[in-house]
N, C-alpha and C. Protein backbone atom coordinates (compact mmCIF):
# COMPACT_ATOMS: atom_id res chain seq x y z
N MET A 1 -0.21 -6.19 -10.12
CA MET A 1 -0.61 -6.37 -11.46
C MET A 1 -2.33 -6.59 -11.94
N THR A 2 -2.51 -6.36 -10.80
CA THR A 2 -4.38 -6.37 -10.48
C THR A 2 -4.39 -5.53 -11.53
N PRO A 3 -5.48 -5.21 -12.75
CA PRO A 3 -5.92 -3.48 -13.15
C PRO A 3 -6.78 -3.07 -12.21
N ARG A 4 -6.71 -1.82 -12.03
CA ARG A 4 -7.20 -0.98 -11.83
C ARG A 4 -9.18 -1.09 -12.18
N GLY A 5 -9.57 -1.21 -13.21
CA GLY A 5 -10.84 -1.46 -13.46
C GLY A 5 -11.69 0.02 -13.35
N HIS A 6 -12.47 -0.69 -12.53
CA HIS A 6 -14.07 0.35 -12.32
C HIS A 6 -13.82 0.85 -10.51
N ASN A 7 -13.13 0.00 -10.22
CA ASN A 7 -12.34 -0.28 -8.43
C ASN A 7 -12.89 1.96 -8.32
N LEU A 8 -13.28 2.03 -7.29
CA LEU A 8 -13.33 3.11 -6.88
C LEU A 8 -12.51 3.37 -5.72
N LEU A 9 -11.48 2.93 -5.24
CA LEU A 9 -10.82 3.14 -3.63
C LEU A 9 -9.56 3.72 -4.37
N SER A 10 -9.03 5.10 -3.43
CA SER A 10 -8.09 5.42 -3.98
C SER A 10 -7.10 5.58 -3.18
N LYS A 11 -7.04 5.27 -1.85
CA LYS A 11 -6.40 5.41 -0.12
C LYS A 11 -6.26 4.04 -0.30
N VAL A 12 -4.68 3.34 -0.03
CA VAL A 12 -4.34 2.43 0.94
C VAL A 12 -5.41 2.13 2.49
N GLU A 13 -6.35 3.24 3.14
CA GLU A 13 -6.52 3.34 4.19
C GLU A 13 -8.13 2.71 3.88
N ASP A 14 -8.44 2.59 2.53
CA ASP A 14 -9.46 2.11 2.49
C ASP A 14 -9.76 0.46 2.62
N LEU A 15 -8.67 -0.34 2.62
CA LEU A 15 -8.62 -1.26 2.57
C LEU A 15 -8.09 -1.76 4.15
N ILE A 16 -8.13 -0.98 4.92
CA ILE A 16 -8.16 -1.53 6.72
C ILE A 16 -8.83 -0.92 7.22
N ASP A 17 -9.22 -2.53 7.87
CA ASP A 17 -10.33 -2.20 9.27
C ASP A 17 -10.34 -0.57 9.91
N PRO A 18 -11.14 0.00 10.31
CA PRO A 18 -11.54 1.05 11.18
C PRO A 18 -11.85 -0.01 12.58
N ALA A 19 -11.70 -0.31 12.26
CA ALA A 19 -12.68 -0.87 13.80
C ALA A 19 -10.98 -1.59 14.56
N THR A 20 -10.46 -2.59 13.87
CA THR A 20 -9.34 -3.24 14.07
C THR A 20 -8.03 -2.41 13.85
N GLY A 21 -8.15 -1.49 12.70
CA GLY A 21 -6.66 -1.69 12.88
C GLY A 21 -5.59 -2.14 11.60
N ASN A 22 -5.86 -3.10 11.21
CA ASN A 22 -5.86 -4.63 10.74
C ASN A 22 -6.34 -3.86 9.27
N TRP A 23 -5.65 -4.84 8.04
CA TRP A 23 -6.06 -5.23 6.61
C TRP A 23 -7.69 -5.82 6.48
N ASP A 24 -8.31 -5.20 6.16
CA ASP A 24 -9.80 -5.64 5.89
C ASP A 24 -9.31 -7.19 4.88
N GLU A 25 -8.93 -8.02 4.89
CA GLU A 25 -8.78 -9.23 4.51
C GLU A 25 -9.40 -9.51 3.34
N ASP A 26 -10.71 -9.42 3.64
CA ASP A 26 -11.89 -10.21 2.78
C ASP A 26 -11.99 -9.33 1.84
N LEU A 27 -12.17 -7.54 2.02
CA LEU A 27 -11.80 -6.82 0.54
C LEU A 27 -10.67 -7.00 0.14
N VAL A 28 -9.21 -6.83 0.28
CA VAL A 28 -8.18 -7.04 -0.09
C VAL A 28 -8.43 -8.07 -0.99
N LYS A 29 -8.83 -9.57 -0.39
CA LYS A 29 -8.98 -10.59 -1.87
C LYS A 29 -9.55 -10.39 -2.71
N ASP A 30 -11.22 -9.57 -2.72
CA ASP A 30 -11.97 -9.27 -3.38
C ASP A 30 -11.56 -8.89 -4.31
N LEU A 31 -11.08 -7.64 -3.77
CA LEU A 31 -10.43 -6.21 -4.72
C LEU A 31 -9.21 -6.67 -5.68
N LEU A 32 -8.23 -7.66 -5.46
CA LEU A 32 -7.04 -7.89 -6.13
C LEU A 32 -7.07 -9.16 -6.42
N TRP A 33 -6.28 -9.59 -7.45
CA TRP A 33 -5.51 -10.26 -8.03
C TRP A 33 -5.26 -11.48 -6.31
N GLU A 34 -4.66 -12.87 -6.73
CA GLU A 34 -4.57 -13.37 -5.15
C GLU A 34 -3.16 -12.82 -5.37
N VAL A 35 -2.12 -12.90 -6.23
CA VAL A 35 -1.48 -12.61 -6.18
C VAL A 35 -0.90 -11.17 -5.38
N ASP A 36 -1.41 -10.47 -5.70
CA ASP A 36 -1.26 -8.73 -5.64
C ASP A 36 -1.96 -8.70 -3.25
N ALA A 37 -3.21 -9.31 -3.58
CA ALA A 37 -3.88 -9.93 -2.43
C ALA A 37 -2.37 -10.31 -1.22
N ASN A 38 -2.08 -11.25 -1.55
CA ASN A 38 -1.23 -12.34 -1.22
C ASN A 38 0.14 -11.22 -0.44
N MET A 39 0.70 -10.72 -1.07
CA MET A 39 1.50 -9.35 -0.75
C MET A 39 1.29 -8.96 -0.14
N ILE A 40 0.23 -7.53 -0.06
CA ILE A 40 -0.62 -6.60 0.54
C ILE A 40 -0.85 -7.11 2.09
N LEU A 41 -1.05 -8.47 2.10
CA LEU A 41 -1.82 -8.84 3.28
C LEU A 41 -0.29 -9.50 4.62
N GLN A 42 0.67 -9.33 4.01
CA GLN A 42 2.30 -9.54 3.97
C GLN A 42 3.09 -8.34 4.97
N ILE A 43 1.87 -7.38 4.71
CA ILE A 43 2.82 -5.74 4.46
C ILE A 43 2.48 -5.64 6.21
N PRO A 44 3.20 -5.46 7.71
CA PRO A 44 2.45 -4.90 8.72
C PRO A 44 2.89 -3.71 8.52
N LEU A 45 1.17 -3.25 9.43
CA LEU A 45 0.53 -2.39 9.44
C LEU A 45 1.20 -1.61 11.05
N ILE A 46 1.43 -0.42 11.12
CA ILE A 46 1.95 0.48 12.26
C ILE A 46 0.82 1.47 12.73
N GLN A 47 0.13 1.41 13.63
CA GLN A 47 -1.09 2.26 14.28
C GLN A 47 -0.27 3.42 14.95
N GLY A 48 -1.59 4.34 14.54
CA GLY A 48 -1.14 5.70 15.19
C GLY A 48 -0.03 7.03 14.38
N ARG A 49 0.48 6.50 12.85
CA ARG A 49 1.39 7.09 12.42
C ARG A 49 0.77 7.35 11.32
N GLU A 50 0.84 8.42 11.06
CA GLU A 50 0.18 9.39 10.16
C GLU A 50 1.08 8.92 8.48
N ASP A 51 -0.14 8.75 7.92
CA ASP A 51 0.42 9.25 6.48
C ASP A 51 1.54 9.72 5.90
N VAL A 52 2.51 9.65 5.37
CA VAL A 52 3.26 10.53 4.62
C VAL A 52 3.84 9.62 3.07
N VAL A 53 4.69 10.67 2.58
CA VAL A 53 5.28 10.32 1.05
C VAL A 53 6.65 9.85 1.27
N ALA A 54 6.92 8.68 1.20
CA ALA A 54 8.78 7.86 2.31
C ALA A 54 9.23 7.98 0.88
N TRP A 55 9.72 8.23 -0.13
CA TRP A 55 10.61 8.46 -0.99
C TRP A 55 10.49 9.28 -1.94
N HIS A 56 12.05 9.66 -2.99
CA HIS A 56 12.25 10.78 -3.50
C HIS A 56 12.41 9.61 -4.65
N HIS A 57 12.32 10.83 -5.56
CA HIS A 57 12.77 10.47 -7.36
C HIS A 57 14.04 9.81 -7.50
N THR A 58 14.44 8.99 -8.68
CA THR A 58 16.07 8.68 -8.51
C THR A 58 16.69 10.25 -9.24
N GLN A 59 17.89 9.81 -9.49
CA GLN A 59 19.06 11.16 -9.83
C GLN A 59 18.58 11.40 -11.64
N ASN A 60 17.80 10.66 -11.89
CA ASN A 60 17.34 10.97 -13.27
C ASN A 60 16.58 11.52 -13.66
N GLY A 61 15.57 12.12 -11.96
CA GLY A 61 14.21 12.15 -11.57
C GLY A 61 13.41 11.96 -11.74
N TYR A 62 12.79 10.40 -12.12
CA TYR A 62 11.90 9.75 -12.85
C TYR A 62 11.72 8.29 -11.02
N PHE A 63 10.90 8.23 -10.54
CA PHE A 63 10.69 7.56 -9.66
C PHE A 63 10.90 5.85 -9.94
N SER A 64 11.54 5.34 -8.96
CA SER A 64 11.38 4.00 -9.58
C SER A 64 11.17 2.94 -8.14
N VAL A 65 9.94 2.29 -8.02
CA VAL A 65 10.13 1.26 -7.28
C VAL A 65 11.75 1.00 -6.76
N GLY A 66 12.87 0.77 -6.81
CA GLY A 66 13.83 0.58 -6.72
C GLY A 66 14.13 1.91 -5.28
N SER A 67 13.91 3.21 -5.94
CA SER A 67 13.82 4.31 -5.09
C SER A 67 12.93 3.98 -4.34
N ALA A 68 12.02 3.64 -4.00
CA ALA A 68 10.78 4.15 -2.58
C ALA A 68 11.33 2.68 -2.05
N LEU A 69 12.02 1.47 -2.83
CA LEU A 69 12.31 0.06 -1.25
C LEU A 69 13.18 0.87 -1.03
N SER A 70 14.27 2.00 -1.16
CA SER A 70 15.60 1.99 -0.60
C SER A 70 15.18 3.20 -0.08
N CYS A 71 14.01 4.15 0.14
CA CYS A 71 14.53 4.66 0.98
C CYS A 71 14.12 4.57 2.79
N PRO A 72 14.68 5.51 3.24
CA PRO A 72 14.44 5.01 4.73
C PRO A 72 13.07 6.08 5.18
N VAL A 73 11.84 5.20 5.86
CA VAL A 73 11.49 6.21 6.48
C VAL A 73 11.23 7.09 7.93
N ALA A 74 10.45 7.92 8.31
CA ALA A 74 10.63 8.50 9.13
C ALA A 74 9.86 8.05 10.59
N ALA A 75 10.39 8.25 11.37
CA ALA A 75 10.34 7.17 12.30
C ALA A 75 9.22 8.19 12.86
């Protein structure tokens, strides 16, 4: 819900503390509205996995949040 505005961050990894491998909670809370920050901070991070595209478009050829949520993630 947070508008992008003039935010220069473009990757999820920019919201992760490289020293700990955990969410940079202060940064997430500073950049995003509370509702978005709280949802993001609940997402568990798995260290040592490469970032990959893990979803596919729907049968009509369009991406949807539902298609992303129903796609199995490669281990």
